[in-house]
Protein backbone atom coordinates (compact mmCIF):
# COMPACT_ATOMS: atom_id res chain seq x y z
CA MET A 1 -0.05 -0.05 -0.07
CA GLY A 2 1.29 3.51 -1.04
CA ALA A 3 2.27 6.17 1.57
CA SER A 4 0.57 9.75 1.21
CA LEU A 5 2.58 12.72 1.00
CA LYS A 6 2.12 16.45 2.18
CA LEU A 7 4.39 19.31 1.26
CA THR A 8 3.38 22.55 2.75
CA VAL A 9 4.65 25.95 1.30
CA ASP A 10 4.60 28.29 3.94
CA LEU A 11 5.42 32.04 2.68
CA SER A 12 3.82 33.83 5.99
CA GLY A 13 6.78 35.23 6.79
CA LEU A 14 7.26 37.13 3.42
CA GLY A 15 5.78 40.10 4.45
CA LYS A 16 8.60 41.20 7.04
CA LEU A 17 11.01 39.61 4.43
CA THR A 18 9.47 42.30 1.94
CA ARG A 19 9.47 44.94 4.48
CA GLU A 20 13.62 44.23 5.48
CA VAL A 21 14.41 44.57 1.59
CA HIS A 22 12.29 47.36 0.55
CA ALA A 23 13.87 49.11 3.97
CA GLY A 24 17.84 47.99 2.78
CA LEU A 25 17.01 49.04 -0.70
CA ASP A 26 15.73 52.41 0.28
CA LEU A 27 18.87 53.12 2.39
CA VAL A 28 20.90 52.01 -0.87
CA ALA A 29 19.13 54.57 -2.71
CA GLN A 30 19.39 57.31 -0.44
CA ARG A 31 22.85 56.72 -0.01
CA THR A 32 23.82 56.56 -3.99
CA ALA A 33 22.15 59.89 -4.43
CA GLU A 34 24.16 61.29 -1.87
CA GLN A 35 27.39 60.04 -3.43
CA VAL A 36 26.56 61.71 -6.56
CA GLN A 37 25.24 65.16 -5.39
CA ALA A 38 28.76 65.28 -3.17
CA GLY A 39 30.79 64.29 -6.33
CA VAL A 40 29.19 67.04 -8.62
CA ARG A 41 29.78 69.33 -5.81
CA ASN A 42 33.49 68.25 -5.57
CA ASP A 43 33.95 68.49 -9.48
CA ILE A 44 32.44 71.79 -9.69
CA THR A 45 34.30 73.35 -6.53
CA THR A 46 37.54 71.49 -6.48
CA GLY A 47 38.33 69.79 -10.15
CA ALA A 48 40.74 71.07 -11.98
CA LYS A 49 39.98 74.17 -14.66
CA THR A 50 41.70 74.68 -18.23
CA GLY A 51 39.17 77.04 -20.17
CA HIS A 52 39.60 80.78 -20.58
CA GLU A 53 40.29 83.31 -17.97
CA TYR A 54 37.89 85.78 -17.26
CA LEU A 55 37.80 89.51 -15.19
CA VAL A 56 34.91 89.14 -13.02
CA PRO A 57 33.72 92.32 -11.27
CA THR A 58 33.47 92.22 -7.26
CA GLY A 59 30.51 94.00 -6.73
CA SER A 60 28.95 96.05 -9.60
CA THR A 61 26.75 94.29 -12.88
CA GLU A 62 29.50 95.23 -15.18
CA ARG A 63 29.87 92.32 -17.32
CA TRP A 64 32.29 89.50 -17.31
CA ARG A 65 35.32 90.00 -19.96
CA ARG A 66 38.14 88.12 -21.20
CA TYR A 67 41.26 88.22 -19.05
CA GLU A 68 44.41 88.91 -21.32
CA GLY A 69 47.17 89.40 -18.89
CA GLY A 70 48.75 91.67 -16.48
CA PRO A 71 47.56 93.22 -13.37
CA ILE A 72 44.40 92.64 -11.81
CA PRO A 73 42.47 95.86 -11.67
CA GLU A 74 40.52 96.91 -8.34
CA GLY A 75 37.03 95.75 -8.34
CA TRP A 76 37.63 92.63 -10.16
CA LYS A 77 38.72 89.33 -9.60
CA LEU A 78 40.19 86.37 -11.76
CA HIS A 79 37.78 83.57 -12.83
CA GLN A 80 39.43 80.34 -14.32
CA ALA A 81 36.31 78.70 -16.62
CA SER A 82 35.95 75.10 -17.43
CA ALA A 83 36.92 73.64 -21.05
CA PRO A 84 34.30 71.86 -23.07
CA GLY A 85 34.61 68.15 -21.59
CA GLU A 86 35.60 69.31 -17.94
CA ALA A 87 33.07 69.76 -14.84
CA PRO A 88 31.62 73.55 -14.88
CA ALA A 89 34.01 75.92 -12.79
CA GLY A 90 32.01 77.30 -9.85
CA GLU A 91 31.95 80.81 -9.45
CA THR A 92 29.07 82.11 -7.39
CA GLY A 93 28.46 78.60 -5.82
CA ASN A 94 24.75 78.54 -7.04
CA LEU A 95 25.31 75.57 -9.10
CA ALA A 96 27.11 73.45 -6.52
CA ASN A 97 25.06 74.18 -3.69
CA ASP A 98 21.50 74.36 -5.21
CA SER A 99 20.75 70.95 -5.14
CA ASP A 100 18.71 68.77 -2.95
CA ILE A 101 17.81 65.05 -3.00
CA THR A 102 13.73 63.93 -2.96
CA LYS A 103 12.11 60.91 -2.51
CA PRO A 104 9.51 60.18 -5.33
CA ARG A 105 8.63 56.79 -3.63
CA ASP A 106 10.23 54.21 -1.55
CA GLY A 107 13.28 52.87 -3.20
CA ALA A 108 13.61 55.98 -5.69
CA ARG A 109 15.63 59.00 -5.14
CA ASP A 110 15.91 62.14 -7.22
CA VAL A 111 18.92 64.45 -7.40
CA ASN A 112 17.69 67.71 -8.22
CA PHE A 113 20.63 70.71 -9.32
CA ASN A 114 18.08 73.45 -9.44
CA ALA A 115 20.29 76.24 -11.13
CA ASP A 116 18.22 76.88 -14.19
CA TYR A 117 21.72 76.70 -16.61
CA ALA A 118 22.65 73.39 -15.12
CA ALA A 119 21.35 71.28 -18.21
CA SER A 120 22.64 73.67 -20.63
CA LEU A 121 26.36 73.24 -18.94
CA GLU A 122 25.41 69.24 -18.29
CA PHE A 123 24.60 68.83 -22.06
CA GLY A 124 25.37 72.09 -24.04
CA THR A 125 23.25 74.29 -25.57
CA GLU A 126 21.63 73.52 -28.65
CA ASP A 127 22.88 76.41 -30.35
CA GLY A 128 26.25 75.03 -29.70
CA LYS A 129 27.25 78.31 -28.00
CA THR A 130 28.14 76.23 -24.77
CA ALA A 131 29.65 72.93 -25.02
CA PRO A 132 29.14 70.11 -22.52
CA ARG A 133 30.66 70.24 -19.24
CA PRO A 134 29.66 67.09 -17.92
CA SER A 135 29.71 66.01 -14.08
CA ILE A 136 26.18 64.59 -13.12
CA GLY A 137 26.39 61.76 -15.74
CA PRO A 138 30.22 60.90 -14.64
CA ASN A 139 29.04 60.94 -11.02
CA VAL A 140 26.37 58.62 -12.02
CA GLU A 141 28.77 56.08 -13.45
CA ALA A 142 30.95 56.64 -10.48
CA ALA A 143 28.23 55.82 -8.16
CA ARG A 144 27.25 52.23 -9.80
CA PRO A 145 29.64 50.09 -8.08
CA THR A 146 28.11 51.47 -4.81
CA LEU A 147 24.72 51.15 -6.13
CA GLU A 148 25.04 47.49 -7.50
CA ALA A 149 27.15 46.35 -4.41
CA GLY A 150 24.48 47.70 -2.11
CA VAL A 151 21.69 46.24 -3.40
CA ALA A 152 23.49 42.58 -3.64
CA ALA A 153 24.02 42.86 0.31
CA VAL A 154 20.30 43.71 0.62
CA LEU A 155 19.55 40.46 -1.36
CA LYS A 156 22.37 38.24 -0.17
CA LYS A 157 21.39 39.22 3.52
CA ALA A 158 17.40 38.59 2.77
CA ALA A 159 18.52 35.15 1.52
CA GLY A 160 20.09 34.33 4.87
CA SER A 161 23.58 33.92 3.28
């Protein structure tokens, strides 16, 4: 006579596991976004620049003018611009400092660069007057290993290994 066999699949603990995975991935998203934001700020404020030099007025609305060498006139300061392909050169601090991270949903983060010229510097302008000066894209790529390792660690922990 044959014996009966019963197999029970119990997924009752899945809710807790799902919450833990979501919480872990949410933290990975936040850390990755912070790495991108910090990298962009660093590139703008400390990265080497090799573009043109300009004289910038220090307290007037006079236009910038190209520096041709010699002493810097009183009321002006020297600004080293970025060359095409380099991260933008910071002058006012607006581009580097006016950014934030928002959470559109769990596990996702938006890194917002709020200066109205951020996209023009990153991608260049349609008219070609400004060539791309990328910083966001390269920092997203630089953060990829952090993201991948973080996701792998969360999943490995969830799997109990």
